Amino acid sequence: MYLQWVRLVLVIAAWRIFGESWMRWGLLALDSDNVQSYSDRELFSIIRDGVRFTGMPGFAGTETDDQIWDVVDYLRSLR
């Protein structure tokens, strides 16, 4: 169950970071230089707050800060 939650968060985070265009590439390479170039704080903010004008809400109201940091830690483990 936890892994499914992490995957969902990562897909939504990818949508926020790259917009619709990432879907044309197939699966997003979460270890890519583009994703990894963001600071931990930037990734946290993207997942928590979303990105304006993308239509994707953040997770601040549904996930705790600790859960969001877990996702950031997971992204970093892919380096």
PDB file of N, CA and C in Angstrom:
ATOM      1  N   MET A   1       0.822  -1.195   0.000  1.00  0.00           N
ATOM      2  CA  MET A   1       0.000   0.000   0.000  1.00  0.00           C
ATOM      3  C   MET A   1       0.865   1.258   0.000  1.00  0.00           C
ATOM      4  N   TYR A   2       1.913   1.271   0.832  1.00  0.00           N
ATOM      5  CA  TYR A   2       2.777   2.445   0.914  1.00  0.00           C
ATOM      6  C   TYR A   2       3.455   2.707  -0.427  1.00  0.00           C
ATOM      7  N   LEU A   3       3.935   1.654  -1.074  1.00  0.00           N
ATOM      8  CA  LEU A   3       4.607   1.823  -2.362  1.00  0.00           C
ATOM      9  C   LEU A   3       3.650   2.392  -3.405  1.00  0.00           C
ATOM     10  N   GLN A   4       2.400   1.980  -3.378  1.00  0.00           N
ATOM     11  CA  GLN A   4       1.413   2.528  -4.304  1.00  0.00           C
ATOM     12  C   GLN A   4       1.219   4.018  -4.054  1.00  0.00           C
ATOM     13  N   TRP A   5       1.198   4.410  -2.779  1.00  0.00           N
ATOM     14  CA  TRP A   5       1.056   5.825  -2.430  1.00  0.00           C
ATOM     15  C   TRP A   5       2.254   6.609  -2.954  1.00  0.00           C
ATOM     16  N   VAL A   6       3.455   6.078  -2.757  1.00  0.00           N
ATOM     17  CA  VAL A   6       4.665   6.752  -3.231  1.00  0.00           C
ATOM     18  C   VAL A   6       4.615   6.911  -4.746  1.00  0.00           C
ATOM     19  N   ARG A   7       4.220   5.875  -5.457  1.00  0.00           N
ATOM     20  CA  ARG A   7       4.134   5.963  -6.921  1.00  0.00           C
ATOM     21  C   ARG A   7       3.131   7.024  -7.359  1.00  0.00           C
ATOM     22  N   LEU A   8       1.990   7.077  -6.690  1.00  0.00           N
ATOM     23  CA  LEU A   8       0.981   8.078  -7.021  1.00  0.00           C
ATOM     24  C   LEU A   8       1.538   9.479  -6.810  1.00  0.00           C
ATOM     25  N   VAL A   9       2.177   9.688  -5.688  1.00  0.00           N
ATOM     26  CA  VAL A   9       2.747  11.004  -5.403  1.00  0.00           C
ATOM     27  C   VAL A   9       3.799  11.366  -6.447  1.00  0.00           C
ATOM     28  N   LEU A  10       4.624  10.405  -6.833  1.00  0.00           N
ATOM     29  CA  LEU A  10       5.673  10.684  -7.813  1.00  0.00           C
ATOM     30  C   LEU A  10       5.098  11.019  -9.180  1.00  0.00           C
ATOM     31  N   VAL A  11       4.047  10.338  -9.579  1.00  0.00           N
ATOM     32  CA  VAL A  11       3.411  10.645 -10.861  1.00  0.00           C
ATOM     33  C   VAL A  11       2.836  12.053 -10.833  1.00  0.00           C
ATOM     34  N   ILE A  12       2.182  12.402  -9.750  1.00  0.00           N
ATOM     35  CA  ILE A  12       1.601  13.743  -9.652  1.00  0.00           C
ATOM     36  C   ILE A  12       2.696  14.794  -9.575  1.00  0.00           C
ATOM     37  N   ALA A  13       3.756  14.498  -8.840  1.00  0.00           N
ATOM     38  CA  ALA A  13       4.882  15.437  -8.772  1.00  0.00           C
ATOM     39  C   ALA A  13       5.498  15.628 -10.152  1.00  0.00           C
ATOM     40  N   ALA A  14       5.624  14.556 -10.911  1.00  0.00           N
ATOM     41  CA  ALA A  14       6.176  14.656 -12.264  1.00  0.00           C
ATOM     42  C   ALA A  14       5.294  15.544 -13.134  1.00  0.00           C
ATOM     43  N   TRP A  15       4.005  15.378 -13.004  1.00  0.00           N
ATOM     44  CA  TRP A  15       3.075  16.209 -13.759  1.00  0.00           C
ATOM     45  C   TRP A  15       3.298  17.679 -13.413  1.00  0.00           C
ATOM     46  N   ARG A  16       3.487  17.948 -12.128  1.00  0.00           N
ATOM     47  CA  ARG A  16       3.681  19.326 -11.699  1.00  0.00           C
ATOM     48  C   ARG A  16       4.999  19.901 -12.201  1.00  0.00           C
ATOM     49  N   ILE A  17       6.033  19.102 -12.173  1.00  0.00           N
ATOM     50  CA  ILE A  17       7.350  19.583 -12.575  1.00  0.00           C
ATOM     51  C   ILE A  17       7.420  19.801 -14.084  1.00  0.00           C
ATOM     52  N   PHE A  18       6.889  18.865 -14.852  1.00  0.00           N
ATOM     53  CA  PHE A  18       7.084  18.888 -16.298  1.00  0.00           C
ATOM     54  C   PHE A  18       5.836  19.210 -17.104  1.00  0.00           C
ATOM     55  N   GLY A  19       4.677  19.234 -16.481  1.00  0.00           N
ATOM     56  CA  GLY A  19       3.447  19.495 -17.209  1.00  0.00           C
ATOM     57  C   GLY A  19       3.043  18.299 -18.055  1.00  0.00           C
ATOM     58  N   GLU A  20       2.165  18.532 -18.993  1.00  0.00           N
ATOM     59  CA  GLU A  20       1.638  17.439 -19.808  1.00  0.00           C
ATOM     60  C   GLU A  20       2.696  16.759 -20.656  1.00  0.00           C
ATOM     61  N   SER A  21       3.735  17.473 -21.025  1.00  0.00           N
ATOM     62  CA  SER A  21       4.700  16.920 -21.974  1.00  0.00           C
ATOM     63  C   SER A  21       5.378  15.656 -21.470  1.00  0.00           C
ATOM     64  N   TRP A  22       5.526  15.499 -20.169  1.00  0.00           N
ATOM     65  CA  TRP A  22       6.226  14.312 -19.668  1.00  0.00           C
ATOM     66  C   TRP A  22       5.472  13.035 -20.010  1.00  0.00           C
ATOM     67  N   MET A  23       4.162  13.123 -20.179  1.00  0.00           N
ATOM     68  CA  MET A  23       3.378  11.923 -20.467  1.00  0.00           C
ATOM     69  C   MET A  23       3.696  11.379 -21.859  1.00  0.00           C
ATOM     70  N   ARG A  24       4.164  12.221 -22.735  1.00  0.00           N
ATOM     71  CA  ARG A  24       4.519  11.776 -24.083  1.00  0.00           C
ATOM     72  C   ARG A  24       5.778  10.922 -24.082  1.00  0.00           C
ATOM     73  N   TRP A  25       6.573  11.035 -23.038  1.00  0.00           N
ATOM     74  CA  TRP A  25       7.818  10.285 -22.958  1.00  0.00           C
ATOM     75  C   TRP A  25       7.630   8.887 -22.411  1.00  0.00           C
ATOM     76  N   GLY A  26       6.443   8.552 -21.957  1.00  0.00           N
ATOM     77  CA  GLY A  26       6.246   7.297 -21.241  1.00  0.00           C
ATOM     78  C   GLY A  26       6.564   7.530 -19.778  1.00  0.00           C
ATOM     79  N   LEU A  27       7.173   6.568 -19.142  1.00  0.00           N
ATOM     80  CA  LEU A  27       7.500   6.722 -17.728  1.00  0.00           C
ATOM     81  C   LEU A  27       8.600   7.753 -17.552  1.00  0.00           C
ATOM     82  N   LEU A  28       8.423   8.594 -16.572  1.00  0.00           N
ATOM     83  CA  LEU A  28       9.406   9.622 -16.278  1.00  0.00           C
ATOM     84  C   LEU A  28      10.601   9.015 -15.562  1.00  0.00           C
ATOM     85  N   ALA A  29      11.782   9.381 -15.980  1.00  0.00           N
ATOM     86  CA  ALA A  29      12.998   8.921 -15.302  1.00  0.00           C
ATOM     87  C   ALA A  29      13.209   9.789 -14.068  1.00  0.00           C
ATOM     88  N   LEU A  30      12.807   9.269 -12.924  1.00  0.00           N
ATOM     89  CA  LEU A  30      12.884  10.047 -11.692  1.00  0.00           C
ATOM     90  C   LEU A  30      14.310  10.278 -11.237  1.00  0.00           C
ATOM     91  N   ASP A  31      15.248   9.527 -11.800  1.00  0.00           N
ATOM     92  CA  ASP A  31      16.655   9.749 -11.478  1.00  0.00           C
ATOM     93  C   ASP A  31      17.328  10.669 -12.499  1.00  0.00           C
ATOM     94  N   SER A  32      16.537  11.268 -13.371  1.00  0.00           N
ATOM     95  CA  SER A  32      17.097  12.138 -14.410  1.00  0.00           C
ATOM     96  C   SER A  32      17.753  13.371 -13.801  1.00  0.00           C
ATOM     97  N   ASP A  33      18.651  13.966 -14.566  1.00  0.00           N
ATOM     98  CA  ASP A  33      19.312  15.190 -14.112  1.00  0.00           C
ATOM     99  C   ASP A  33      18.302  16.292 -13.846  1.00  0.00           C
ATOM    100  N   ASN A  34      17.239  16.329 -14.648  1.00  0.00           N
ATOM    101  CA  ASN A  34      16.228  17.369 -14.476  1.00  0.00           C
ATOM    102  C   ASN A  34      15.565  17.269 -13.106  1.00  0.00           C
ATOM    103  N   VAL A  35      15.090  16.100 -12.752  1.00  0.00           N
ATOM    104  CA  VAL A  35      14.445  15.914 -11.449  1.00  0.00           C
ATOM    105  C   VAL A  35      15.458  16.114 -10.331  1.00  0.00           C
ATOM    106  N   GLN A  36      16.629  15.530 -10.485  1.00  0.00           N
ATOM    107  CA  GLN A  36      17.631  15.586  -9.425  1.00  0.00           C
ATOM    108  C   GLN A  36      18.244  16.973  -9.267  1.00  0.00           C
ATOM    109  N   SER A  37      18.046  17.858 -10.238  1.00  0.00           N
ATOM    110  CA  SER A  37      18.610  19.206 -10.132  1.00  0.00           C
ATOM    111  C   SER A  37      17.858  20.077  -9.132  1.00  0.00           C
ATOM    112  N   TYR A  38      16.649  19.687  -8.783  1.00  0.00           N
ATOM    113  CA  TYR A  38      15.898  20.439  -7.783  1.00  0.00           C
ATOM    114  C   TYR A  38      16.478  20.181  -6.400  1.00  0.00           C
ATOM    115  N   SER A  39      16.465  21.212  -5.563  1.00  0.00           N
ATOM    116  CA  SER A  39      16.895  21.023  -4.176  1.00  0.00           C
ATOM    117  C   SER A  39      15.838  20.206  -3.440  1.00  0.00           C
ATOM    118  N   ASP A  40      16.218  19.657  -2.299  1.00  0.00           N
ATOM    119  CA  ASP A  40      15.245  18.918  -1.490  1.00  0.00           C
ATOM    120  C   ASP A  40      14.059  19.809  -1.150  1.00  0.00           C
ATOM    121  N   ARG A  41      14.331  21.044  -0.808  1.00  0.00           N
ATOM    122  CA  ARG A  41      13.272  21.976  -0.434  1.00  0.00           C
ATOM    123  C   ARG A  41      12.342  22.245  -1.618  1.00  0.00           C
ATOM    124  N   GLU A  42      12.906  22.377  -2.815  1.00  0.00           N
ATOM    125  CA  GLU A  42      12.073  22.610  -4.002  1.00  0.00           C
ATOM    126  C   GLU A  42      11.174  21.411  -4.282  1.00  0.00           C
ATOM    127  N   LEU A  43      11.724  20.211  -4.193  1.00  0.00           N
ATOM    128  CA  LEU A  43      10.901  19.014  -4.396  1.00  0.00           C
ATOM    129  C   LEU A  43       9.793  18.942  -3.355  1.00  0.00           C
ATOM    130  N   PHE A  44      10.140  19.222  -2.105  1.00  0.00           N
ATOM    131  CA  PHE A  44       9.146  19.217  -1.032  1.00  0.00           C
ATOM    132  C   PHE A  44       8.020  20.201  -1.358  1.00  0.00           C
ATOM    133  N   SER A  45       8.387  21.405  -1.753  1.00  0.00           N
ATOM    134  CA  SER A  45       7.384  22.430  -2.053  1.00  0.00           C
ATOM    135  C   SER A  45       6.505  22.047  -3.234  1.00  0.00           C
ATOM    136  N   ILE A  46       7.101  21.452  -4.258  1.00  0.00           N
ATOM    137  CA  ILE A  46       6.328  21.019  -5.424  1.00  0.00           C
ATOM    138  C   ILE A  46       5.300  19.970  -5.016  1.00  0.00           C
ATOM    139  N   ILE A  47       5.720  19.014  -4.213  1.00  0.00           N
ATOM    140  CA  ILE A  47       4.807  17.951  -3.789  1.00  0.00           C
ATOM    141  C   ILE A  47       3.768  18.488  -2.815  1.00  0.00           C
ATOM    142  N   ARG A  48       4.193  19.329  -1.878  1.00  0.00           N
ATOM    143  CA  ARG A  48       3.267  19.853  -0.866  1.00  0.00           C
ATOM    144  C   ARG A  48       2.296  20.864  -1.448  1.00  0.00           C
ATOM    145  N   ASP A  49       2.809  21.827  -2.231  1.00  0.00           N
ATOM    146  CA  ASP A  49       2.000  22.964  -2.662  1.00  0.00           C
ATOM    147  C   ASP A  49       1.500  22.867  -4.093  1.00  0.00           C
ATOM    148  N   GLY A  50       2.077  21.974  -4.873  1.00  0.00           N
ATOM    149  CA  GLY A  50       1.736  21.909  -6.283  1.00  0.00           C
ATOM    150  C   GLY A  50       2.435  23.015  -7.049  1.00  0.00           C
ATOM    151  N   VAL A  51       2.101  23.140  -8.309  1.00  0.00           N
ATOM    152  CA  VAL A  51       2.671  24.181  -9.158  1.00  0.00           C
ATOM    153  C   VAL A  51       1.508  24.956  -9.748  1.00  0.00           C
ATOM    154  N   ARG A  52       1.559  26.247  -9.610  1.00  0.00           N
ATOM    155  CA  ARG A  52       0.465  27.085 -10.101  1.00  0.00           C
ATOM    156  C   ARG A  52       0.248  26.896 -11.596  1.00  0.00           C
ATOM    157  N   PHE A  53      -0.990  27.024 -11.984  1.00  0.00           N
ATOM    158  CA  PHE A  53      -1.412  27.010 -13.387  1.00  0.00           C
ATOM    159  C   PHE A  53      -1.254  25.653 -14.072  1.00  0.00           C
ATOM    160  N   THR A  54      -1.076  24.583 -13.291  1.00  0.00           N
ATOM    161  CA  THR A  54      -1.009  23.254 -13.901  1.00  0.00           C
ATOM    162  C   THR A  54      -2.298  22.478 -13.678  1.00  0.00           C
ATOM    163  N   GLY A  55      -3.150  22.976 -12.792  1.00  0.00           N
ATOM    164  CA  GLY A  55      -4.372  22.268 -12.460  1.00  0.00           C
ATOM    165  C   GLY A  55      -4.169  21.146 -11.461  1.00  0.00           C
ATOM    166  N   MET A  56      -2.961  20.999 -10.966  1.00  0.00           N
ATOM    167  CA  MET A  56      -2.668  19.929 -10.016  1.00  0.00           C
ATOM    168  C   MET A  56      -2.532  20.508  -8.616  1.00  0.00           C
ATOM    169  N   PRO A  57      -3.366  20.046  -7.686  1.00  0.00           N
ATOM    170  CA  PRO A  57      -3.270  20.538  -6.310  1.00  0.00           C
ATOM    171  C   PRO A  57      -2.084  19.910  -5.588  1.00  0.00           C
ATOM    172  N   GLY A  58      -1.689  20.523  -4.503  1.00  0.00           N
ATOM    173  CA  GLY A  58      -0.639  19.966  -3.662  1.00  0.00           C
ATOM    174  C   GLY A  58      -1.209  18.948  -2.689  1.00  0.00           C
ATOM    175  N   PHE A  59      -0.312  18.333  -1.936  1.00  0.00           N
ATOM    176  CA  PHE A  59      -0.705  17.318  -0.968  1.00  0.00           C
ATOM    177  C   PHE A  59      -0.732  17.832   0.465  1.00  0.00           C
ATOM    178  N   ALA A  60      -0.604  19.138   0.669  1.00  0.00           N
ATOM    179  CA  ALA A  60      -0.538  19.692   2.021  1.00  0.00           C
ATOM    180  C   ALA A  60      -1.751  19.307   2.865  1.00  0.00           C
ATOM    181  N   GLY A  61      -2.907  19.217   2.259  1.00  0.00           N
ATOM    182  CA  GLY A  61      -4.112  18.912   3.012  1.00  0.00           C
ATOM    183  C   GLY A  61      -4.366  17.437   3.231  1.00  0.00           C
ATOM    184  N   THR A  62      -3.639  16.583   2.517  1.00  0.00           N
ATOM    185  CA  THR A  62      -3.916  15.151   2.616  1.00  0.00           C
ATOM    186  C   THR A  62      -2.768  14.333   3.174  1.00  0.00           C
ATOM    187  N   GLU A  63      -1.546  14.847   3.077  1.00  0.00           N
ATOM    188  CA  GLU A  63      -0.379  14.110   3.569  1.00  0.00           C
ATOM    189  C   GLU A  63       0.379  14.969   4.563  1.00  0.00           C
ATOM    190  N   THR A  64       1.009  14.321   5.515  1.00  0.00           N
ATOM    191  CA  THR A  64       1.797  15.054   6.504  1.00  0.00           C
ATOM    192  C   THR A  64       3.128  15.481   5.889  1.00  0.00           C
ATOM    193  N   ASP A  65       3.765  16.439   6.533  1.00  0.00           N
ATOM    194  CA  ASP A  65       5.093  16.850   6.069  1.00  0.00           C
ATOM    195  C   ASP A  65       6.063  15.677   6.091  1.00  0.00           C
ATOM    196  N   ASP A  66       5.971  14.836   7.112  1.00  0.00           N
ATOM    197  CA  ASP A  66       6.862  13.672   7.188  1.00  0.00           C
ATOM    198  C   ASP A  66       6.663  12.737   5.997  1.00  0.00           C
ATOM    199  N   GLN A  67       5.427  12.532   5.581  1.00  0.00           N
ATOM    200  CA  GLN A  67       5.164  11.675   4.425  1.00  0.00           C
ATOM    201  C   GLN A  67       5.718  12.297   3.147  1.00  0.00           C
ATOM    202  N   ILE A  68       5.597  13.595   3.026  1.00  0.00           N
ATOM    203  CA  ILE A  68       6.135  14.271   1.846  1.00  0.00           C
ATOM    204  C   ILE A  68       7.658  14.194   1.842  1.00  0.00           C
ATOM    205  N   TRP A  69       8.291  14.351   3.007  1.00  0.00           N
ATOM    206  CA  TRP A  69       9.749  14.206   3.084  1.00  0.00           C
ATOM    207  C   TRP A  69      10.170  12.781   2.733  1.00  0.00           C
ATOM    208  N   ASP A  70       9.335  11.797   3.075  1.00  0.00           N
ATOM    209  CA  ASP A  70       9.633  10.412   2.680  1.00  0.00           C
ATOM    210  C   ASP A  70       9.713  10.283   1.159  1.00  0.00           C
ATOM    211  N   VAL A  71       8.831  10.968   0.464  1.00  0.00           N
ATOM    212  CA  VAL A  71       8.851  10.930  -0.997  1.00  0.00           C
ATOM    213  C   VAL A  71      10.116  11.610  -1.527  1.00  0.00           C
ATOM    214  N   VAL A  72      10.482  12.740  -0.935  1.00  0.00           N
ATOM    215  CA  VAL A  72      11.724  13.419  -1.338  1.00  0.00           C
ATOM    216  C   VAL A  72      12.917  12.497  -1.101  1.00  0.00           C
ATOM    217  N   ASP A  73      12.945  11.841   0.059  1.00  0.00           N
ATOM    218  CA  ASP A  73      14.035  10.897   0.354  1.00  0.00           C
ATOM    219  C   ASP A  73      14.082   9.776  -0.680  1.00  0.00           C
ATOM    220  N   TYR A  74      12.912   9.289  -1.074  1.00  0.00           N
ATOM    221  CA  TYR A  74      12.865   8.238  -2.086  1.00  0.00           C
ATOM    222  C   TYR A  74      13.445   8.746  -3.409  1.00  0.00           C
ATOM    223  N   LEU A  75      13.045   9.941  -3.815  1.00  0.00           N
ATOM    224  CA  LEU A  75      13.588  10.510  -5.051  1.00  0.00           C
ATOM    225  C   LEU A  75      15.106  10.614  -4.985  1.00  0.00           C
ATOM    226  N   ARG A  76      15.630  11.014  -3.854  1.00  0.00           N
ATOM    227  CA  ARG A  76      17.083  11.138  -3.691  1.00  0.00           C
ATOM    228  C   ARG A  76      17.774   9.774  -3.720  1.00  0.00           C
ATOM    229  N   SER A  77      17.087   8.749  -3.268  1.00  0.00           N
ATOM    230  CA  SER A  77      17.694   7.410  -3.266  1.00  0.00           C
ATOM    231  C   SER A  77      17.897   6.882  -4.685  1.00  0.00           C
ATOM    232  N   LEU A  78      17.271   7.506  -5.659  1.00  0.00           N
ATOM    233  CA  LEU A  78      17.359   7.072  -7.053  1.00  0.00           C
ATOM    234  C   LEU A  78      18.573   7.641  -7.773  1.00  0.00           C
ATOM    235  N   ARG A  79      19.333   8.484  -7.109  1.00  0.00           N
ATOM    236  CA  ARG A  79      20.522   9.102  -7.739  1.00  0.00           C
ATOM    237  C   ARG A  79      21.476   8.066  -8.221  1.00  0.00           C
TER     238      ARG A  79
END
